[in-house]
Each structure stands twice: as C-alpha cells, then as structure tokens.
Amino acid sequence: MDIEKTADAIFNSVEAYITKRLAPLQAEVKELRSRPEPHYCGVWTDGTYDPGALVTDHGSMWYCNETTSSRPGSSKSWSLSVKRGVPR
C-alpha cells in the first residue's frame, strides 16, 4: 500500500466533507452581510428613509424595512422594534 496515495485519499475525503459542511454557513454569512446595517436617525420627521434606518416615533422605536416616506406604523415598510413604555 502506498502511503502517499492513502494520505491523498484521506485528505481529499476530509476536504470534500468540510467543503460540503461549510457551504450552507458560507451562504448564510453572505446573506447576513448583504443586509443593511441599522443606523439611528433620531425622531421621525417627514422625509425618505432607507432600509436599516431606526427612528423614534411616539415613544417607540421603528426599523425601516424598505425605502419609504410613510410614517412608522402606517405601512409594512416599518417594523416595531421597541414598544413605548407605560409611565408609572
């Protein structure tokens, strides 16, 4: 038995296994990196907001899902991130 051929066969098997197992993780990392980075824009005012914008409106924080000029809570363009609290 040739030790180099055996070592090459083992290496190739391990490499194929690792490549197969890493492929879904690499795809997930690529998708996550393509998402817009959240950035706080302050209290909501009339204007256009891009995906990733975080604004405060009526005491709640909202995340912008798509480019919009609508007010938070009035369309699917916004997702509620933090609901306002109740004063005690």
PDB file of N, CA and C in Angstrom:
ATOM      1  N   MET A   1       0.840  -1.170   0.000  1.00  0.00           N
ATOM      2  CA  MET A   1       0.000   0.000   0.000  1.00  0.00           C
ATOM      3  C   MET A   1       0.889   1.238   0.000  1.00  0.00           C
ATOM      4  N   ASP A   2       0.566   2.145  -0.878  1.00  0.00           N
ATOM      5  CA  ASP A   2       1.357   3.369  -0.999  1.00  0.00           C
ATOM      6  C   ASP A   2       0.832   4.407  -0.014  1.00  0.00           C
ATOM      7  N   ILE A   3       1.669   4.806   0.924  1.00  0.00           N
ATOM      8  CA  ILE A   3       1.254   5.739   1.977  1.00  0.00           C
ATOM      9  C   ILE A   3       0.840   7.088   1.415  1.00  0.00           C
ATOM     10  N   GLU A   4       1.487   7.560   0.349  1.00  0.00           N
ATOM     11  CA  GLU A   4       1.128   8.851  -0.241  1.00  0.00           C
ATOM     12  C   GLU A   4      -0.259   8.804  -0.868  1.00  0.00           C
ATOM     13  N   LYS A   5      -0.599   7.707  -1.518  1.00  0.00           N
ATOM     14  CA  LYS A   5      -1.936   7.569  -2.115  1.00  0.00           C
ATOM     15  C   LYS A   5      -3.005   7.513  -1.029  1.00  0.00           C
ATOM     16  N   THR A   6      -2.694   6.814   0.049  1.00  0.00           N
ATOM     17  CA  THR A   6      -3.639   6.728   1.165  1.00  0.00           C
ATOM     18  C   THR A   6      -3.832   8.103   1.804  1.00  0.00           C
ATOM     19  N   ALA A   7      -2.737   8.817   2.015  1.00  0.00           N
ATOM     20  CA  ALA A   7      -2.813  10.159   2.607  1.00  0.00           C
ATOM     21  C   ALA A   7      -3.602  11.095   1.703  1.00  0.00           C
ATOM     22  N   ASP A   8      -3.354  11.023   0.381  1.00  0.00           N
ATOM     23  CA  ASP A   8      -4.097  11.859  -0.572  1.00  0.00           C
ATOM     24  C   ASP A   8      -5.589  11.523  -0.547  1.00  0.00           C
ATOM     25  N   ALA A   9      -5.923  10.259  -0.473  1.00  0.00           N
ATOM     26  CA  ALA A   9      -7.327   9.843  -0.438  1.00  0.00           C
ATOM     27  C   ALA A   9      -8.006  10.366   0.823  1.00  0.00           C
ATOM     28  N   ILE A  10      -7.316  10.267   1.958  1.00  0.00           N
ATOM     29  CA  ILE A  10      -7.874  10.765   3.217  1.00  0.00           C
ATOM     30  C   ILE A  10      -8.049  12.283   3.147  1.00  0.00           C
ATOM     31  N   PHE A  11      -7.029  12.971   2.670  1.00  0.00           N
ATOM     32  CA  PHE A  11      -7.091  14.424   2.548  1.00  0.00           C
ATOM     33  C   PHE A  11      -8.259  14.835   1.662  1.00  0.00           C
ATOM     34  N   ASN A  12      -8.405  14.196   0.511  1.00  0.00           N
ATOM     35  CA  ASN A  12      -9.487  14.539  -0.421  1.00  0.00           C
ATOM     36  C   ASN A  12     -10.856  14.290   0.200  1.00  0.00           C
ATOM     37  N   SER A  13     -10.982  13.215   0.959  1.00  0.00           N
ATOM     38  CA  SER A  13     -12.254  12.919   1.627  1.00  0.00           C
ATOM     39  C   SER A  13     -12.578  13.969   2.689  1.00  0.00           C
ATOM     40  N   VAL A  14     -11.579  14.325   3.480  1.00  0.00           N
ATOM     41  CA  VAL A  14     -11.775  15.330   4.525  1.00  0.00           C
ATOM     42  C   VAL A  14     -12.097  16.684   3.891  1.00  0.00           C
ATOM     43  N   GLU A  15     -11.385  17.038   2.854  1.00  0.00           N
ATOM     44  CA  GLU A  15     -11.624  18.310   2.174  1.00  0.00           C
ATOM     45  C   GLU A  15     -13.049  18.366   1.609  1.00  0.00           C
ATOM     46  N   ALA A  16     -13.503  17.302   0.976  1.00  0.00           N
ATOM     47  CA  ALA A  16     -14.865  17.254   0.424  1.00  0.00           C
ATOM     48  C   ALA A  16     -15.907  17.372   1.528  1.00  0.00           C
ATOM     49  N   TYR A  17     -15.674  16.700   2.639  1.00  0.00           N
ATOM     50  CA  TYR A  17     -16.598  16.744   3.778  1.00  0.00           C
ATOM     51  C   TYR A  17     -16.693  18.166   4.338  1.00  0.00           C
ATOM     52  N   ILE A  18     -15.550  18.788   4.560  1.00  0.00           N
ATOM     53  CA  ILE A  18     -15.522  20.139   5.122  1.00  0.00           C
ATOM     54  C   ILE A  18     -16.165  21.129   4.163  1.00  0.00           C
ATOM     55  N   THR A  19     -15.860  21.028   2.891  1.00  0.00           N
ATOM     56  CA  THR A  19     -16.453  21.920   1.892  1.00  0.00           C
ATOM     57  C   THR A  19     -17.978  21.779   1.882  1.00  0.00           C
ATOM     58  N   LYS A  20     -18.464  20.552   1.942  1.00  0.00           N
ATOM     59  CA  LYS A  20     -19.902  20.302   1.945  1.00  0.00           C
ATOM     60  C   LYS A  20     -20.560  20.883   3.199  1.00  0.00           C
ATOM     61  N   ARG A  21     -19.918  20.713   4.352  1.00  0.00           N
ATOM     62  CA  ARG A  21     -20.484  21.199   5.613  1.00  0.00           C
ATOM     63  C   ARG A  21     -20.421  22.723   5.735  1.00  0.00           C
ATOM     64  N   LEU A  22     -19.408  23.351   5.138  1.00  0.00           N
ATOM     65  CA  LEU A  22     -19.251  24.799   5.235  1.00  0.00           C
ATOM     66  C   LEU A  22     -20.126  25.569   4.250  1.00  0.00           C
ATOM     67  N   ALA A  23     -20.532  24.959   3.162  1.00  0.00           N
ATOM     68  CA  ALA A  23     -21.292  25.658   2.116  1.00  0.00           C
ATOM     69  C   ALA A  23     -22.534  26.372   2.661  1.00  0.00           C
ATOM     70  N   PRO A  24     -23.389  25.715   3.462  1.00  0.00           N
ATOM     71  CA  PRO A  24     -24.561  26.429   3.986  1.00  0.00           C
ATOM     72  C   PRO A  24     -24.189  27.594   4.902  1.00  0.00           C
ATOM     73  N   LEU A  25     -23.128  27.427   5.680  1.00  0.00           N
ATOM     74  CA  LEU A  25     -22.691  28.504   6.574  1.00  0.00           C
ATOM     75  C   LEU A  25     -22.162  29.690   5.776  1.00  0.00           C
ATOM     76  N   GLN A  26     -21.411  29.413   4.721  1.00  0.00           N
ATOM     77  CA  GLN A  26     -20.899  30.488   3.881  1.00  0.00           C
ATOM     78  C   GLN A  26     -22.043  31.239   3.212  1.00  0.00           C
ATOM     79  N   ALA A  27     -23.070  30.526   2.773  1.00  0.00           N
ATOM     80  CA  ALA A  27     -24.237  31.161   2.158  1.00  0.00           C
ATOM     81  C   ALA A  27     -24.966  32.040   3.174  1.00  0.00           C
ATOM     82  N   GLU A  28     -25.089  31.559   4.407  1.00  0.00           N
ATOM     83  CA  GLU A  28     -25.761  32.336   5.451  1.00  0.00           C
ATOM     84  C   GLU A  28     -24.978  33.599   5.784  1.00  0.00           C
ATOM     85  N   VAL A  29     -23.671  33.496   5.900  1.00  0.00           N
ATOM     86  CA  VAL A  29     -22.835  34.667   6.188  1.00  0.00           C
ATOM     87  C   VAL A  29     -22.961  35.682   5.058  1.00  0.00           C
ATOM     88  N   LYS A  30     -22.957  35.220   3.829  1.00  0.00           N
ATOM     89  CA  LYS A  30     -23.089  36.121   2.669  1.00  0.00           C
ATOM     90  C   LYS A  30     -24.427  36.856   2.725  1.00  0.00           C
ATOM     91  N   GLU A  31     -25.500  36.143   3.055  1.00  0.00           N
ATOM     92  CA  GLU A  31     -26.823  36.760   3.133  1.00  0.00           C
ATOM     93  C   GLU A  31     -26.870  37.771   4.275  1.00  0.00           C
ATOM     94  N   LEU A  32     -26.310  37.435   5.429  1.00  0.00           N
ATOM     95  CA  LEU A  32     -26.316  38.350   6.562  1.00  0.00           C
ATOM     96  C   LEU A  32     -25.518  39.616   6.266  1.00  0.00           C
ATOM     97  N   ARG A  33     -24.410  39.477   5.582  1.00  0.00           N
ATOM     98  CA  ARG A  33     -23.585  40.643   5.249  1.00  0.00           C
ATOM     99  C   ARG A  33     -24.241  41.539   4.211  1.00  0.00           C
ATOM    100  N   SER A  34     -25.188  41.008   3.452  1.00  0.00           N
ATOM    101  CA  SER A  34     -25.868  41.814   2.439  1.00  0.00           C
ATOM    102  C   SER A  34     -26.994  42.652   3.032  1.00  0.00           C
ATOM    103  N   ARG A  35     -27.385  42.376   4.275  1.00  0.00           N
ATOM    104  CA  ARG A  35     -28.446  43.141   4.925  1.00  0.00           C
ATOM    105  C   ARG A  35     -27.959  44.540   5.281  1.00  0.00           C
ATOM    106  N   PRO A  36     -28.880  45.523   5.243  1.00  0.00           N
ATOM    107  CA  PRO A  36     -28.463  46.879   5.614  1.00  0.00           C
ATOM    108  C   PRO A  36     -28.097  46.962   7.094  1.00  0.00           C
ATOM    109  N   GLU A  37     -27.103  47.751   7.386  1.00  0.00           N
ATOM    110  CA  GLU A  37     -26.674  47.924   8.774  1.00  0.00           C
ATOM    111  C   GLU A  37     -27.594  48.923   9.472  1.00  0.00           C
ATOM    112  N   PRO A  38     -28.144  48.572  10.619  1.00  0.00           N
ATOM    113  CA  PRO A  38     -29.029  49.507  11.327  1.00  0.00           C
ATOM    114  C   PRO A  38     -28.286  50.781  11.727  1.00  0.00           C
ATOM    115  N   HIS A  39     -28.980  51.912  11.581  1.00  0.00           N
ATOM    116  CA  HIS A  39     -28.409  53.199  11.982  1.00  0.00           C
ATOM    117  C   HIS A  39     -29.533  54.097  12.489  1.00  0.00           C
ATOM    118  N   TYR A  40     -29.302  54.727  13.630  1.00  0.00           N
ATOM    119  CA  TYR A  40     -30.322  55.562  14.256  1.00  0.00           C
ATOM    120  C   TYR A  40     -30.384  56.918  13.577  1.00  0.00           C
ATOM    121  N   CYS A  41     -31.595  57.347  13.220  1.00  0.00           N
ATOM    122  CA  CYS A  41     -31.805  58.615  12.523  1.00  0.00           C
ATOM    123  C   CYS A  41     -32.522  59.655  13.381  1.00  0.00           C
ATOM    124  N   GLY A  42     -32.805  59.328  14.639  1.00  0.00           N
ATOM    125  CA  GLY A  42     -33.466  60.281  15.516  1.00  0.00           C
ATOM    126  C   GLY A  42     -34.973  60.130  15.483  1.00  0.00           C
ATOM    127  N   VAL A  43     -35.655  61.197  15.909  1.00  0.00           N
ATOM    128  CA  VAL A  43     -37.112  61.215  15.921  1.00  0.00           C
ATOM    129  C   VAL A  43     -37.613  61.332  14.490  1.00  0.00           C
ATOM    130  N   TRP A  44     -38.658  60.565  14.154  1.00  0.00           N
ATOM    131  CA  TRP A  44     -39.193  60.559  12.796  1.00  0.00           C
ATOM    132  C   TRP A  44     -39.674  61.951  12.397  1.00  0.00           C
ATOM    133  N   THR A  45     -39.312  62.365  11.190  1.00  0.00           N
ATOM    134  CA  THR A  45     -39.821  63.585  10.567  1.00  0.00           C
ATOM    135  C   THR A  45     -40.156  63.244   9.137  1.00  0.00           C
ATOM    136  N   ASP A  46     -40.949  64.094   8.489  1.00  0.00           N
ATOM    137  CA  ASP A  46     -41.239  63.872   7.073  1.00  0.00           C
ATOM    138  C   ASP A  46     -39.935  63.756   6.305  1.00  0.00           C
ATOM    139  N   GLY A  47     -39.868  62.797   5.418  1.00  0.00           N
ATOM    140  CA  GLY A  47     -38.671  62.585   4.617  1.00  0.00           C
ATOM    141  C   GLY A  47     -38.625  61.150   4.126  1.00  0.00           C
ATOM    142  N   THR A  48     -37.562  60.813   3.469  1.00  0.00           N
ATOM    143  CA  THR A  48     -37.389  59.464   2.940  1.00  0.00           C
ATOM    144  C   THR A  48     -36.377  58.717   3.791  1.00  0.00           C
ATOM    145  N   TYR A  49     -36.708  57.468   4.120  1.00  0.00           N
ATOM    146  CA  TYR A  49     -35.836  56.626   4.934  1.00  0.00           C
ATOM    147  C   TYR A  49     -35.487  55.372   4.141  1.00  0.00           C
ATOM    148  N   ASP A  50     -34.246  54.954   4.267  1.00  0.00           N
ATOM    149  CA  ASP A  50     -33.755  53.768   3.571  1.00  0.00           C
ATOM    150  C   ASP A  50     -33.738  52.573   4.522  1.00  0.00           C
ATOM    151  N   PRO A  51     -33.669  51.363   3.961  1.00  0.00           N
ATOM    152  CA  PRO A  51     -33.605  50.166   4.803  1.00  0.00           C
ATOM    153  C   PRO A  51     -32.461  50.270   5.821  1.00  0.00           C
ATOM    154  N   GLY A  52     -32.765  49.838   7.046  1.00  0.00           N
ATOM    155  CA  GLY A  52     -31.780  49.882   8.118  1.00  0.00           C
ATOM    156  C   GLY A  52     -31.950  51.076   9.035  1.00  0.00           C
ATOM    157  N   ALA A  53     -32.743  52.074   8.602  1.00  0.00           N
ATOM    158  CA  ALA A  53     -32.949  53.258   9.435  1.00  0.00           C
ATOM    159  C   ALA A  53     -33.759  52.883  10.675  1.00  0.00           C
ATOM    160  N   LEU A  54     -33.362  53.406  11.808  1.00  0.00           N
ATOM    161  CA  LEU A  54     -34.102  53.270  13.064  1.00  0.00           C
ATOM    162  C   LEU A  54     -34.559  54.662  13.459  1.00  0.00           C
ATOM    163  N   VAL A  55     -35.857  54.797  13.754  1.00  0.00           N
ATOM    164  CA  VAL A  55     -36.380  56.094  14.184  1.00  0.00           C
ATOM    165  C   VAL A  55     -37.244  55.908  15.421  1.00  0.00           C
ATOM    166  N   THR A  56     -37.399  56.998  16.162  1.00  0.00           N
ATOM    167  CA  THR A  56     -38.302  57.017  17.293  1.00  0.00           C
ATOM    168  C   THR A  56     -39.550  57.773  16.861  1.00  0.00           C
ATOM    169  N   ASP A  57     -40.731  57.206  17.175  1.00  0.00           N
ATOM    170  CA  ASP A  57     -41.986  57.880  16.864  1.00  0.00           C
ATOM    171  C   ASP A  57     -42.988  57.554  17.960  1.00  0.00           C
ATOM    172  N   HIS A  58     -43.531  58.601  18.597  1.00  0.00           N
ATOM    173  CA  HIS A  58     -44.489  58.445  19.692  1.00  0.00           C
ATOM    174  C   HIS A  58     -43.946  57.511  20.785  1.00  0.00           C
ATOM    175  N   GLY A  59     -42.658  57.620  21.072  1.00  0.00           N
ATOM    176  CA  GLY A  59     -42.050  56.862  22.158  1.00  0.00           C
ATOM    177  C   GLY A  59     -41.617  55.450  21.818  1.00  0.00           C
ATOM    178  N   SER A  60     -41.889  54.999  20.603  1.00  0.00           N
ATOM    179  CA  SER A  60     -41.486  53.651  20.180  1.00  0.00           C
ATOM    180  C   SER A  60     -40.365  53.745  19.154  1.00  0.00           C
ATOM    181  N   MET A  61     -39.559  52.690  19.047  1.00  0.00           N
ATOM    182  CA  MET A  61     -38.507  52.652  18.039  1.00  0.00           C
ATOM    183  C   MET A  61     -38.951  51.756  16.895  1.00  0.00           C
ATOM    184  N   TRP A  62     -38.701  52.213  15.680  1.00  0.00           N
ATOM    185  CA  TRP A  62     -39.121  51.517  14.470  1.00  0.00           C
ATOM    186  C   TRP A  62     -37.930  51.265  13.564  1.00  0.00           C
ATOM    187  N   TYR A  63     -37.958  50.106  12.875  1.00  0.00           N
ATOM    188  CA  TYR A  63     -36.918  49.711  11.923  1.00  0.00           C
ATOM    189  C   TYR A  63     -37.492  49.808  10.507  1.00  0.00           C
ATOM    190  N   CYS A  64     -36.760  50.452   9.616  1.00  0.00           N
ATOM    191  CA  CYS A  64     -37.197  50.617   8.227  1.00  0.00           C
ATOM    192  C   CYS A  64     -36.795  49.386   7.405  1.00  0.00           C
ATOM    193  N   ASN A  65     -37.793  48.720   6.803  1.00  0.00           N
ATOM    194  CA  ASN A  65     -37.565  47.509   6.010  1.00  0.00           C
ATOM    195  C   ASN A  65     -37.272  47.792   4.541  1.00  0.00           C
ATOM    196  N   GLU A  66     -37.808  48.903   4.030  1.00  0.00           N
ATOM    197  CA  GLU A  66     -37.661  49.257   2.617  1.00  0.00           C
ATOM    198  C   GLU A  66     -37.742  50.769   2.493  1.00  0.00           C
ATOM    199  N   THR A  67     -37.204  51.308   1.420  1.00  0.00           N
ATOM    200  CA  THR A  67     -37.222  52.750   1.225  1.00  0.00           C
ATOM    201  C   THR A  67     -38.661  53.252   1.302  1.00  0.00           C
ATOM    202  N   THR A  68     -38.866  54.283   2.118  1.00  0.00           N
ATOM    203  CA  THR A  68     -40.227  54.774   2.346  1.00  0.00           C
ATOM    204  C   THR A  68     -40.212  56.224   2.807  1.00  0.00           C
ATOM    205  N   SER A  69     -41.352  56.859   2.614  1.00  0.00           N
ATOM    206  CA  SER A  69     -41.562  58.181   3.200  1.00  0.00           C
ATOM    207  C   SER A  69     -42.796  58.150   4.101  1.00  0.00           C
ATOM    208  N   SER A  70     -43.334  56.954   4.340  1.00  0.00           N
ATOM    209  CA  SER A  70     -44.514  56.807   5.205  1.00  0.00           C
ATOM    210  C   SER A  70     -44.120  56.902   6.678  1.00  0.00           C
ATOM    211  N   ARG A  71     -45.109  57.192   7.497  1.00  0.00           N
ATOM    212  CA  ARG A  71     -44.888  57.280   8.939  1.00  0.00           C
ATOM    213  C   ARG A  71     -44.809  55.870   9.520  1.00  0.00           C
ATOM    214  N   PRO A  72     -43.941  55.642  10.496  1.00  0.00           N
ATOM    215  CA  PRO A  72     -43.868  54.322  11.129  1.00  0.00           C
ATOM    216  C   PRO A  72     -45.226  53.873  11.651  1.00  0.00           C
ATOM    217  N   GLY A  73     -45.529  52.607  11.426  1.00  0.00           N
ATOM    218  CA  GLY A  73     -46.784  52.031  11.879  1.00  0.00           C
ATOM    219  C   GLY A  73     -47.911  52.144  10.880  1.00  0.00           C
ATOM    220  N   SER A  74     -47.696  52.899   9.792  1.00  0.00           N
ATOM    221  CA  SER A  74     -48.773  53.096   8.819  1.00  0.00           C
ATOM    222  C   SER A  74     -48.633  52.204   7.591  1.00  0.00           C
ATOM    223  N   SER A  75     -47.531  51.442   7.512  1.00  0.00           N
ATOM    224  CA  SER A  75     -47.325  50.560   6.356  1.00  0.00           C
ATOM    225  C   SER A  75     -46.379  49.430   6.735  1.00  0.00           C
ATOM    226  N   LYS A  76     -46.253  48.459   5.831  1.00  0.00           N
ATOM    227  CA  LYS A  76     -45.341  47.337   6.067  1.00  0.00           C
ATOM    228  C   LYS A  76     -43.876  47.738   5.922  1.00  0.00           C
ATOM    229  N   SER A  77     -43.633  48.986   5.563  1.00  0.00           N
ATOM    230  CA  SER A  77     -42.261  49.476   5.405  1.00  0.00           C
ATOM    231  C   SER A  77     -41.520  49.559   6.736  1.00  0.00           C
ATOM    232  N   TRP A  78     -42.276  49.554   7.832  1.00  0.00           N
ATOM    233  CA  TRP A  78     -41.686  49.687   9.157  1.00  0.00           C
ATOM    234  C   TRP A  78     -42.017  48.486  10.024  1.00  0.00           C
ATOM    235  N   SER A  79     -41.077  48.108  10.891  1.00  0.00           N
ATOM    236  CA  SER A  79     -41.308  47.066  11.904  1.00  0.00           C
ATOM    237  C   SER A  79     -41.064  47.680  13.279  1.00  0.00           C
ATOM    238  N   LEU A  80     -41.984  47.408  14.196  1.00  0.00           N
ATOM    239  CA  LEU A  80     -41.828  47.892  15.557  1.00  0.00           C
ATOM    240  C   LEU A  80     -40.672  47.149  16.214  1.00  0.00           C
ATOM    241  N   SER A  81     -39.693  47.894  16.698  1.00  0.00           N
ATOM    242  CA  SER A  81     -38.526  47.288  17.353  1.00  0.00           C
ATOM    243  C   SER A  81     -38.673  47.295  18.867  1.00  0.00           C
ATOM    244  N   VAL A  82     -39.056  48.449  19.406  1.00  0.00           N
ATOM    245  CA  VAL A  82     -39.223  48.585  20.854  1.00  0.00           C
ATOM    246  C   VAL A  82     -40.491  49.389  21.098  1.00  0.00           C
ATOM    247  N   LYS A  83     -41.447  48.773  21.791  1.00  0.00           N
ATOM    248  CA  LYS A  83     -42.710  49.458  22.087  1.00  0.00           C
ATOM    249  C   LYS A  83     -42.528  50.395  23.257  1.00  0.00           C
ATOM    250  N   ARG A  84     -43.174  51.543  23.149  1.00  0.00           N
ATOM    251  CA  ARG A  84     -43.040  52.547  24.224  1.00  0.00           C
ATOM    252  C   ARG A  84     -43.521  51.958  25.545  1.00  0.00           C
ATOM    253  N   GLY A  85     -42.941  52.451  26.601  1.00  0.00           N
ATOM    254  CA  GLY A  85     -43.320  52.019  27.932  1.00  0.00           C
ATOM    255  C   GLY A  85     -44.513  52.793  28.465  1.00  0.00           C
ATOM    256  N   VAL A  86     -45.032  52.323  29.561  1.00  0.00           N
ATOM    257  CA  VAL A  86     -46.154  52.981  30.233  1.00  0.00           C
ATOM    258  C   VAL A  86     -45.599  53.719  31.429  1.00  0.00           C
ATOM    259  N   PRO A  87     -45.894  55.032  31.553  1.00  0.00           N
ATOM    260  CA  PRO A  87     -45.400  55.775  32.710  1.00  0.00           C
ATOM    261  C   PRO A  87     -45.984  55.200  34.003  1.00  0.00           C
ATOM    262  N   ARG A  88     -45.201  55.232  35.060  1.00  0.00           N
ATOM    263  CA  ARG A  88     -45.675  54.727  36.365  1.00  0.00           C
ATOM    264  C   ARG A  88     -46.016  55.858  37.275  1.00  0.00           C
TER     265      ARG A  88
END
